[in-house]
Amino acid sequence: MKTSISEREGAHSGPVSGRRAGKFTLVELLVVISIIAIIAALLMPALGKAREAARKAFCLSHLKDMAVSSLMYADNNKEYFLPGHRYNSGEAKDFWWSILTQIVYPKVIEKSYGIPMDSYYKTFQCPSEKIPTGGDPSFQYTHYGVNVKFTHYNAPVRKLSTAFKPSSGVVYMDSNIRTSYAVTDENAASERHGTGRANTSYLDGHCDFRILGRDPARDEKLKEGYRSPCLNGIGTCATNCN
């Protein structure tokens, strides 16, 4: 006797479950969501550290670009390092950051004041700094500072050959300064990437995450003589930056 299709299907059917296969109950769904939330909470600190590590790396690459551009300037100017700025020159193009921009992006400088154009301006901005650039009370032009040995009013232009140890001569560094200058104790190196350290570039072109010395903001005795990040490779260091 032939078996009908319905009979064959009925022979293979088992007991019907209380819910359809592949469907979550509300309780199960809430459990899964809770587990995901716990895992996310555990990962957040690690992700935050990873993001900051990436920002610090970008910042260091900016300082590297600045250091290499400075060496290019010296190579084209009989070993003379670029000046910080010329006092009372009346034009922003005489500031160190503008000179560097003219080297790297010669076709995108505003002729009136030498201020870097928008997209190229980011080279002088630290991705970890929350205070923007653009004028008082923000940083005017850059989140970085140049050593006071190059930026004091009418500081003499120096040759690289005068540096007895270029690998220890600080040039550019994370800075708290909000103007184009680098004089007085208000211009302390910034610790925005971690307490006691700052991204730094040197006369020989290398960069590192430098351990800072005594902080003049916490030591009243140092304030009078403090003049921004010291330049160990040239002249006398104003503070203990070893």
C-alpha atoms as a PDB file:
ATOM      1  CA  MET A   1       0.000   0.000   0.000  1.00  0.00           C
ATOM      2  CA  LYS A   2       1.317   3.382  -0.949  1.00  0.00           C
ATOM      3  CA  THR A   3       2.017   5.915   1.766  1.00  0.00           C
ATOM      4  CA  SER A   4       0.689   9.428   1.301  1.00  0.00           C
ATOM      5  CA  ILE A   5       2.894  12.506   1.536  1.00  0.00           C
ATOM      6  CA  SER A   6       1.089  13.709   4.642  1.00  0.00           C
ATOM      7  CA  GLU A   7       1.668  10.384   6.355  1.00  0.00           C
ATOM      8  CA  ARG A   8       5.400  10.467   5.526  1.00  0.00           C
ATOM      9  CA  GLU A   9       5.720  14.003   6.927  1.00  0.00           C
ATOM     10  CA  GLY A  10       3.821  13.017  10.036  1.00  0.00           C
ATOM     11  CA  ALA A  11       6.159  10.078  10.611  1.00  0.00           C
ATOM     12  CA  HIS A  12       9.160  12.430  10.919  1.00  0.00           C
ATOM     13  CA  SER A  13       7.541  15.126  13.020  1.00  0.00           C
ATOM     14  CA  GLY A  14       8.517  15.209  16.670  1.00  0.00           C
ATOM     15  CA  PRO A  15       6.957  16.954  19.605  1.00  0.00           C
ATOM     16  CA  VAL A  16       6.329  20.652  19.087  1.00  0.00           C
ATOM     17  CA  SER A  17       8.501  22.881  21.314  1.00  0.00           C
ATOM     18  CA  GLY A  18       7.111  25.749  23.370  1.00  0.00           C
ATOM     19  CA  ARG A  19       8.764  28.357  21.062  1.00  0.00           C
ATOM     20  CA  ARG A  20       9.914  28.419  17.480  1.00  0.00           C
ATOM     21  CA  ALA A  21      13.488  27.333  16.821  1.00  0.00           C
ATOM     22  CA  GLY A  22      15.979  30.210  16.454  1.00  0.00           C
ATOM     23  CA  LYS A  23      13.994  32.722  18.499  1.00  0.00           C
ATOM     24  CA  PHE A  24      15.283  34.361  21.736  1.00  0.00           C
ATOM     25  CA  THR A  25      13.096  34.867  24.734  1.00  0.00           C
ATOM     26  CA  LEU A  26      13.066  38.307  26.358  1.00  0.00           C
ATOM     27  CA  VAL A  27      15.112  37.018  29.291  1.00  0.00           C
ATOM     28  CA  GLU A  28      17.772  35.546  27.008  1.00  0.00           C
ATOM     29  CA  LEU A  29      17.959  38.776  25.026  1.00  0.00           C
ATOM     30  CA  LEU A  30      18.435  40.813  28.198  1.00  0.00           C
ATOM     31  CA  VAL A  31      21.186  38.449  29.351  1.00  0.00           C
ATOM     32  CA  VAL A  32      23.045  38.847  26.036  1.00  0.00           C
ATOM     33  CA  ILE A  33      22.731  42.635  26.192  1.00  0.00           C
ATOM     34  CA  SER A  34      24.026  42.640  29.767  1.00  0.00           C
ATOM     35  CA  ILE A  35      27.044  40.537  28.805  1.00  0.00           C
ATOM     36  CA  ILE A  36      27.847  42.861  25.892  1.00  0.00           C
ATOM     37  CA  ALA A  37      27.560  45.890  28.193  1.00  0.00           C
ATOM     38  CA  ILE A  38      29.936  44.316  30.724  1.00  0.00           C
ATOM     39  CA  ILE A  39      32.492  43.467  28.032  1.00  0.00           C
ATOM     40  CA  ALA A  40      32.250  47.000  26.610  1.00  0.00           C
ATOM     41  CA  ALA A  41      32.789  48.491  30.067  1.00  0.00           C
ATOM     42  CA  LEU A  42      35.872  46.322  30.545  1.00  0.00           C
ATOM     43  CA  LEU A  43      37.261  47.302  27.142  1.00  0.00           C
ATOM     44  CA  MET A  44      36.604  51.051  27.361  1.00  0.00           C
ATOM     45  CA  PRO A  45      39.744  51.936  29.384  1.00  0.00           C
ATOM     46  CA  ALA A  46      41.899  49.899  27.013  1.00  0.00           C
ATOM     47  CA  LEU A  47      40.274  51.532  23.984  1.00  0.00           C
ATOM     48  CA  GLY A  48      40.789  54.958  25.535  1.00  0.00           C
ATOM     49  CA  LYS A  49      44.474  54.228  26.057  1.00  0.00           C
ATOM     50  CA  ALA A  50      44.761  52.960  22.494  1.00  0.00           C
ATOM     51  CA  ARG A  51      43.182  56.148  21.127  1.00  0.00           C
ATOM     52  CA  GLU A  52      45.517  58.328  23.187  1.00  0.00           C
ATOM     53  CA  ALA A  53      48.512  56.263  22.039  1.00  0.00           C
ATOM     54  CA  ALA A  54      47.443  56.921  18.446  1.00  0.00           C
ATOM     55  CA  ARG A  55      47.049  60.657  19.119  1.00  0.00           C
ATOM     56  CA  LYS A  56      50.456  60.777  20.790  1.00  0.00           C
ATOM     57  CA  ALA A  57      51.981  59.052  17.753  1.00  0.00           C
ATOM     58  CA  PHE A  58      50.362  61.592  15.410  1.00  0.00           C
ATOM     59  CA  CYS A  59      51.682  64.402  17.593  1.00  0.00           C
ATOM     60  CA  LEU A  60      55.180  62.928  17.505  1.00  0.00           C
ATOM     61  CA  SER A  61      54.990  62.681  13.713  1.00  0.00           C
ATOM     62  CA  HIS A  62      54.147  66.405  13.590  1.00  0.00           C
ATOM     63  CA  LEU A  63      57.252  67.197  15.628  1.00  0.00           C
ATOM     64  CA  LYS A  64      59.286  64.937  13.351  1.00  0.00           C
ATOM     65  CA  ASP A  65      58.063  66.852  10.296  1.00  0.00           C
ATOM     66  CA  MET A  66      59.000  70.105  12.008  1.00  0.00           C
ATOM     67  CA  ALA A  67      62.469  68.818  12.922  1.00  0.00           C
ATOM     68  CA  VAL A  68      63.174  67.575   9.399  1.00  0.00           C
ATOM     69  CA  SER A  69      61.907  70.849   7.896  1.00  0.00           C
ATOM     70  CA  SER A  70      64.236  72.767  10.231  1.00  0.00           C
ATOM     71  CA  LEU A  71      67.191  70.720   9.030  1.00  0.00           C
ATOM     72  CA  MET A  72      66.152  71.414   5.440  1.00  0.00           C
ATOM     73  CA  TYR A  73      66.165  75.120   6.248  1.00  0.00           C
ATOM     74  CA  ALA A  74      69.645  74.848   7.779  1.00  0.00           C
ATOM     75  CA  ASP A  75      70.899  72.866   4.800  1.00  0.00           C
ATOM     76  CA  ASN A  76      69.764  75.654   2.473  1.00  0.00           C
ATOM     77  CA  ASN A  77      71.117  78.450   4.683  1.00  0.00           C
ATOM     78  CA  LYS A  78      74.751  77.600   5.367  1.00  0.00           C
ATOM     79  CA  GLU A  79      73.925  75.549   8.491  1.00  0.00           C
ATOM     80  CA  TYR A  80      72.089  78.412  10.180  1.00  0.00           C
ATOM     81  CA  PHE A  81      69.083  77.199  12.153  1.00  0.00           C
ATOM     82  CA  LEU A  82      65.837  79.034  11.491  1.00  0.00           C
ATOM     83  CA  PRO A  83      65.096  81.964  13.840  1.00  0.00           C
ATOM     84  CA  GLY A  84      62.240  81.848  16.319  1.00  0.00           C
ATOM     85  CA  HIS A  85      61.098  85.268  15.212  1.00  0.00           C
ATOM     86  CA  ARG A  86      62.473  88.685  14.450  1.00  0.00           C
ATOM     87  CA  TYR A  87      61.410  91.250  17.019  1.00  0.00           C
ATOM     88  CA  ASN A  88      59.154  94.039  15.716  1.00  0.00           C
ATOM     89  CA  SER A  89      59.337  92.671  12.209  1.00  0.00           C
ATOM     90  CA  GLY A  90      55.624  93.465  11.874  1.00  0.00           C
ATOM     91  CA  GLU A  91      54.855  90.352   9.856  1.00  0.00           C
ATOM     92  CA  ALA A  92      53.778  86.918  11.080  1.00  0.00           C
ATOM     93  CA  LYS A  93      55.769  85.283   8.284  1.00  0.00           C
ATOM     94  CA  ASP A  94      58.891  85.844  10.388  1.00  0.00           C
ATOM     95  CA  PHE A  95      57.740  83.451  13.118  1.00  0.00           C
ATOM     96  CA  TRP A  96      59.255  79.961  13.268  1.00  0.00           C
ATOM     97  CA  TRP A  97      55.983  78.140  12.564  1.00  0.00           C
ATOM     98  CA  SER A  98      55.359  80.231   9.464  1.00  0.00           C
ATOM     99  CA  ILE A  99      58.906  79.687   8.198  1.00  0.00           C
ATOM    100  CA  LEU A 100      58.434  75.935   8.596  1.00  0.00           C
ATOM    101  CA  THR A 101      55.130  76.057   6.746  1.00  0.00           C
ATOM    102  CA  GLN A 102      56.741  77.886   3.845  1.00  0.00           C
ATOM    103  CA  ILE A 103      59.279  75.058   3.590  1.00  0.00           C
ATOM    104  CA  VAL A 104      56.757  72.215   3.670  1.00  0.00           C
ATOM    105  CA  TYR A 105      53.803  73.913   1.922  1.00  0.00           C
ATOM    106  CA  PRO A 106      55.262  76.834  -0.063  1.00  0.00           C
ATOM    107  CA  LYS A 107      52.128  77.394  -2.151  1.00  0.00           C
ATOM    108  CA  VAL A 108      49.515  77.549   0.584  1.00  0.00           C
ATOM    109  CA  ILE A 109      50.645  80.472   2.732  1.00  0.00           C
ATOM    110  CA  GLU A 110      48.442  83.521   3.066  1.00  0.00           C
ATOM    111  CA  LYS A 111      50.675  86.307   1.808  1.00  0.00           C
ATOM    112  CA  SER A 112      49.467  88.943   4.268  1.00  0.00           C
ATOM    113  CA  TYR A 113      50.419  87.282   7.541  1.00  0.00           C
ATOM    114  CA  GLY A 114      51.924  83.948   6.628  1.00  0.00           C
ATOM    115  CA  ILE A 115      49.281  81.993   8.541  1.00  0.00           C
ATOM    116  CA  PRO A 116      49.038  78.355   7.369  1.00  0.00           C
ATOM    117  CA  MET A 117      45.884  77.457   5.455  1.00  0.00           C
ATOM    118  CA  ASP A 118      43.250  75.224   7.070  1.00  0.00           C
ATOM    119  CA  SER A 119      44.157  71.650   6.134  1.00  0.00           C
ATOM    120  CA  TYR A 120      47.905  72.226   6.390  1.00  0.00           C
ATOM    121  CA  TYR A 121      47.510  74.010   9.709  1.00  0.00           C
ATOM    122  CA  LYS A 122      46.966  70.646  11.433  1.00  0.00           C
ATOM    123  CA  THR A 123      50.706  69.976  11.276  1.00  0.00           C
ATOM    124  CA  PHE A 124      51.042  72.508  14.077  1.00  0.00           C
ATOM    125  CA  GLN A 125      48.151  71.136  16.125  1.00  0.00           C
ATOM    126  CA  CYS A 126      48.322  68.343  18.682  1.00  0.00           C
ATOM    127  CA  PRO A 127      45.361  65.927  18.390  1.00  0.00           C
ATOM    128  CA  SER A 128      45.362  65.456  22.185  1.00  0.00           C
ATOM    129  CA  GLU A 129      45.039  69.167  22.962  1.00  0.00           C
ATOM    130  CA  LYS A 130      41.406  70.057  23.689  1.00  0.00           C
ATOM    131  CA  ILE A 131      41.932  73.811  23.510  1.00  0.00           C
ATOM    132  CA  PRO A 132      41.738  74.862  19.836  1.00  0.00           C
ATOM    133  CA  THR A 133      43.907  77.285  17.915  1.00  0.00           C
ATOM    134  CA  GLY A 134      42.586  80.519  16.509  1.00  0.00           C
ATOM    135  CA  GLY A 135      43.365  83.328  18.925  1.00  0.00           C
ATOM    136  CA  ASP A 136      42.808  84.442  22.512  1.00  0.00           C
ATOM    137  CA  PRO A 137      41.804  82.676  24.732  1.00  0.00           C
ATOM    138  CA  SER A 138      42.713  79.724  22.529  1.00  0.00           C
ATOM    139  CA  PHE A 139      46.173  78.912  21.218  1.00  0.00           C
ATOM    140  CA  GLN A 140      46.852  81.521  18.543  1.00  0.00           C
ATOM    141  CA  TYR A 141      48.678  79.433  15.968  1.00  0.00           C
ATOM    142  CA  THR A 142      50.189  76.221  17.318  1.00  0.00           C
ATOM    143  CA  HIS A 143      50.156  73.741  20.194  1.00  0.00           C
ATOM    144  CA  TYR A 144      53.939  73.442  20.076  1.00  0.00           C
ATOM    145  CA  GLY A 145      56.750  75.604  21.377  1.00  0.00           C
ATOM    146  CA  VAL A 146      60.284  76.233  20.174  1.00  0.00           C
ATOM    147  CA  ASN A 147      63.255  76.479  22.513  1.00  0.00           C
ATOM    148  CA  VAL A 148      63.747  79.927  23.987  1.00  0.00           C
ATOM    149  CA  LYS A 149      67.365  79.951  22.787  1.00  0.00           C
ATOM    150  CA  PHE A 150      65.830  80.485  19.344  1.00  0.00           C
ATOM    151  CA  THR A 151      62.770  82.528  20.285  1.00  0.00           C
ATOM    152  CA  HIS A 152      63.797  85.191  22.768  1.00  0.00           C
ATOM    153  CA  TYR A 153      63.520  88.704  21.346  1.00  0.00           C
ATOM    154  CA  ASN A 154      66.246  89.135  18.746  1.00  0.00           C
ATOM    155  CA  ALA A 155      67.905  85.859  19.772  1.00  0.00           C
ATOM    156  CA  PRO A 156      71.032  85.388  17.642  1.00  0.00           C
ATOM    157  CA  VAL A 157      70.748  83.030  14.698  1.00  0.00           C
ATOM    158  CA  ARG A 158      72.882  79.974  15.432  1.00  0.00           C
ATOM    159  CA  LYS A 159      74.710  77.447  13.311  1.00  0.00           C
ATOM    160  CA  LEU A 160      74.101  73.754  13.836  1.00  0.00           C
ATOM    161  CA  SER A 161      77.854  73.304  14.069  1.00  0.00           C
ATOM    162  CA  THR A 162      77.830  75.221  17.374  1.00  0.00           C
ATOM    163  CA  ALA A 163      75.887  72.403  19.028  1.00  0.00           C
ATOM    164  CA  PHE A 164      78.283  70.171  20.950  1.00  0.00           C
ATOM    165  CA  LYS A 165      75.615  67.458  21.313  1.00  0.00           C
ATOM    166  CA  PRO A 166      72.771  67.819  18.772  1.00  0.00           C
ATOM    167  CA  SER A 167      71.086  64.622  19.974  1.00  0.00           C
ATOM    168  CA  SER A 168      70.315  66.292  23.320  1.00  0.00           C
ATOM    169  CA  GLY A 169      69.500  69.768  22.001  1.00  0.00           C
ATOM    170  CA  VAL A 170      65.762  70.325  22.421  1.00  0.00           C
ATOM    171  CA  VAL A 171      64.151  72.324  19.616  1.00  0.00           C
ATOM    172  CA  TYR A 172      60.371  71.744  19.567  1.00  0.00           C
ATOM    173  CA  MET A 173      58.117  70.416  22.296  1.00  0.00           C
ATOM    174  CA  ASP A 174      54.509  70.127  23.438  1.00  0.00           C
ATOM    175  CA  SER A 175      53.723  73.541  24.841  1.00  0.00           C
ATOM    176  CA  ASN A 176      51.190  75.289  27.059  1.00  0.00           C
ATOM    177  CA  ILE A 177      51.933  78.616  25.400  1.00  0.00           C
ATOM    178  CA  ARG A 178      48.969  80.325  23.741  1.00  0.00           C
ATOM    179  CA  THR A 179      50.807  82.933  21.676  1.00  0.00           C
ATOM    180  CA  SER A 180      53.622  82.799  19.150  1.00  0.00           C
ATOM    181  CA  TYR A 181      56.295  83.594  21.695  1.00  0.00           C
ATOM    182  CA  ALA A 182      58.366  81.511  24.121  1.00  0.00           C
ATOM    183  CA  VAL A 183      59.496  83.708  26.990  1.00  0.00           C
ATOM    184  CA  THR A 184      58.554  83.833  30.713  1.00  0.00           C
ATOM    185  CA  ASP A 185      57.538  81.041  33.043  1.00  0.00           C
ATOM    186  CA  GLU A 186      54.011  80.798  31.602  1.00  0.00           C
ATOM    187  CA  ASN A 187      55.351  78.826  28.658  1.00  0.00           C
ATOM    188  CA  ALA A 188      56.013  75.563  30.477  1.00  0.00           C
ATOM    189  CA  ALA A 189      56.206  72.375  28.457  1.00  0.00           C
ATOM    190  CA  SER A 190      52.844  70.620  28.261  1.00  0.00           C
ATOM    191  CA  GLU A 191      52.231  67.230  29.835  1.00  0.00           C
ATOM    192  CA  ARG A 192      49.116  66.583  27.754  1.00  0.00           C
ATOM    193  CA  HIS A 193      50.226  63.033  26.853  1.00  0.00           C
ATOM    194  CA  GLY A 194      51.123  61.974  30.369  1.00  0.00           C
ATOM    195  CA  THR A 195      52.364  63.389  33.645  1.00  0.00           C
ATOM    196  CA  GLY A 196      56.039  64.280  33.618  1.00  0.00           C
ATOM    197  CA  ARG A 197      56.570  63.737  29.872  1.00  0.00           C
ATOM    198  CA  ALA A 198      56.261  65.651  26.613  1.00  0.00           C
ATOM    199  CA  ASN A 199      56.750  64.873  22.932  1.00  0.00           C
ATOM    200  CA  THR A 200      60.030  66.485  21.884  1.00  0.00           C
ATOM    201  CA  SER A 201      62.216  66.943  18.796  1.00  0.00           C
ATOM    202  CA  TYR A 202      65.965  67.561  18.781  1.00  0.00           C
ATOM    203  CA  LEU A 203      68.633  69.289  16.714  1.00  0.00           C
ATOM    204  CA  ASP A 204      69.687  66.045  15.032  1.00  0.00           C
ATOM    205  CA  GLY A 205      66.117  65.446  13.807  1.00  0.00           C
ATOM    206  CA  HIS A 206      65.098  62.615  16.129  1.00  0.00           C
ATOM    207  CA  CYS A 207      62.056  62.756  18.410  1.00  0.00           C
ATOM    208  CA  ASP A 208      61.023  61.068  21.633  1.00  0.00           C
ATOM    209  CA  PHE A 209      58.600  61.151  24.551  1.00  0.00           C
ATOM    210  CA  ARG A 210      60.849  63.106  26.881  1.00  0.00           C
ATOM    211  CA  ILE A 211      60.923  62.857  30.667  1.00  0.00           C
ATOM    212  CA  LEU A 212      60.770  66.415  31.942  1.00  0.00           C
ATOM    213  CA  GLY A 213      62.794  67.846  34.777  1.00  0.00           C
ATOM    214  CA  ARG A 214      61.520  70.088  37.517  1.00  0.00           C
ATOM    215  CA  ASP A 215      58.357  71.945  36.656  1.00  0.00           C
ATOM    216  CA  PRO A 216      58.664  75.712  37.276  1.00  0.00           C
ATOM    217  CA  ALA A 217      54.926  75.898  37.858  1.00  0.00           C
ATOM    218  CA  ARG A 218      55.480  73.835  41.014  1.00  0.00           C
ATOM    219  CA  ASP A 219      58.802  75.361  42.042  1.00  0.00           C
ATOM    220  CA  GLU A 220      58.766  79.088  42.794  1.00  0.00           C
ATOM    221  CA  LYS A 221      62.583  79.258  42.840  1.00  0.00           C
ATOM    222  CA  LEU A 222      62.750  78.275  39.179  1.00  0.00           C
ATOM    223  CA  LYS A 223      60.207  80.714  37.807  1.00  0.00           C
ATOM    224  CA  GLU A 224      62.536  83.686  37.476  1.00  0.00           C
ATOM    225  CA  GLY A 225      65.067  81.857  35.328  1.00  0.00           C
ATOM    226  CA  TYR A 226      62.725  79.546  33.487  1.00  0.00           C
ATOM    227  CA  ARG A 227      62.513  80.181  29.770  1.00  0.00           C
ATOM    228  CA  SER A 228      60.547  77.373  28.097  1.00  0.00           C
ATOM    229  CA  PRO A 229      62.128  73.985  27.222  1.00  0.00           C
ATOM    230  CA  CYS A 230      65.894  74.108  27.641  1.00  0.00           C
ATOM    231  CA  LEU A 231      68.403  73.555  24.874  1.00  0.00           C
ATOM    232  CA  ASN A 232      71.057  71.237  26.271  1.00  0.00           C
ATOM    233  CA  GLY A 233      73.013  71.154  23.032  1.00  0.00           C
ATOM    234  CA  ILE A 234      73.542  74.905  22.745  1.00  0.00           C
ATOM    235  CA  GLY A 235      74.252  77.424  25.465  1.00  0.00           C
ATOM    236  CA  THR A 236      73.282  77.072  29.099  1.00  0.00           C
ATOM    237  CA  CYS A 237      70.209  75.205  30.261  1.00  0.00           C
ATOM    238  CA  ALA A 238      67.875  77.437  32.268  1.00  0.00           C
ATOM    239  CA  THR A 239      66.323  74.538  34.175  1.00  0.00           C
ATOM    240  CA  ASN A 240      67.073  70.938  35.013  1.00  0.00           C
ATOM    241  CA  CYS A 241      65.615  69.172  31.977  1.00  0.00           C
ATOM    242  CA  ASN A 242      67.790  66.082  32.202  1.00  0.00           C
END
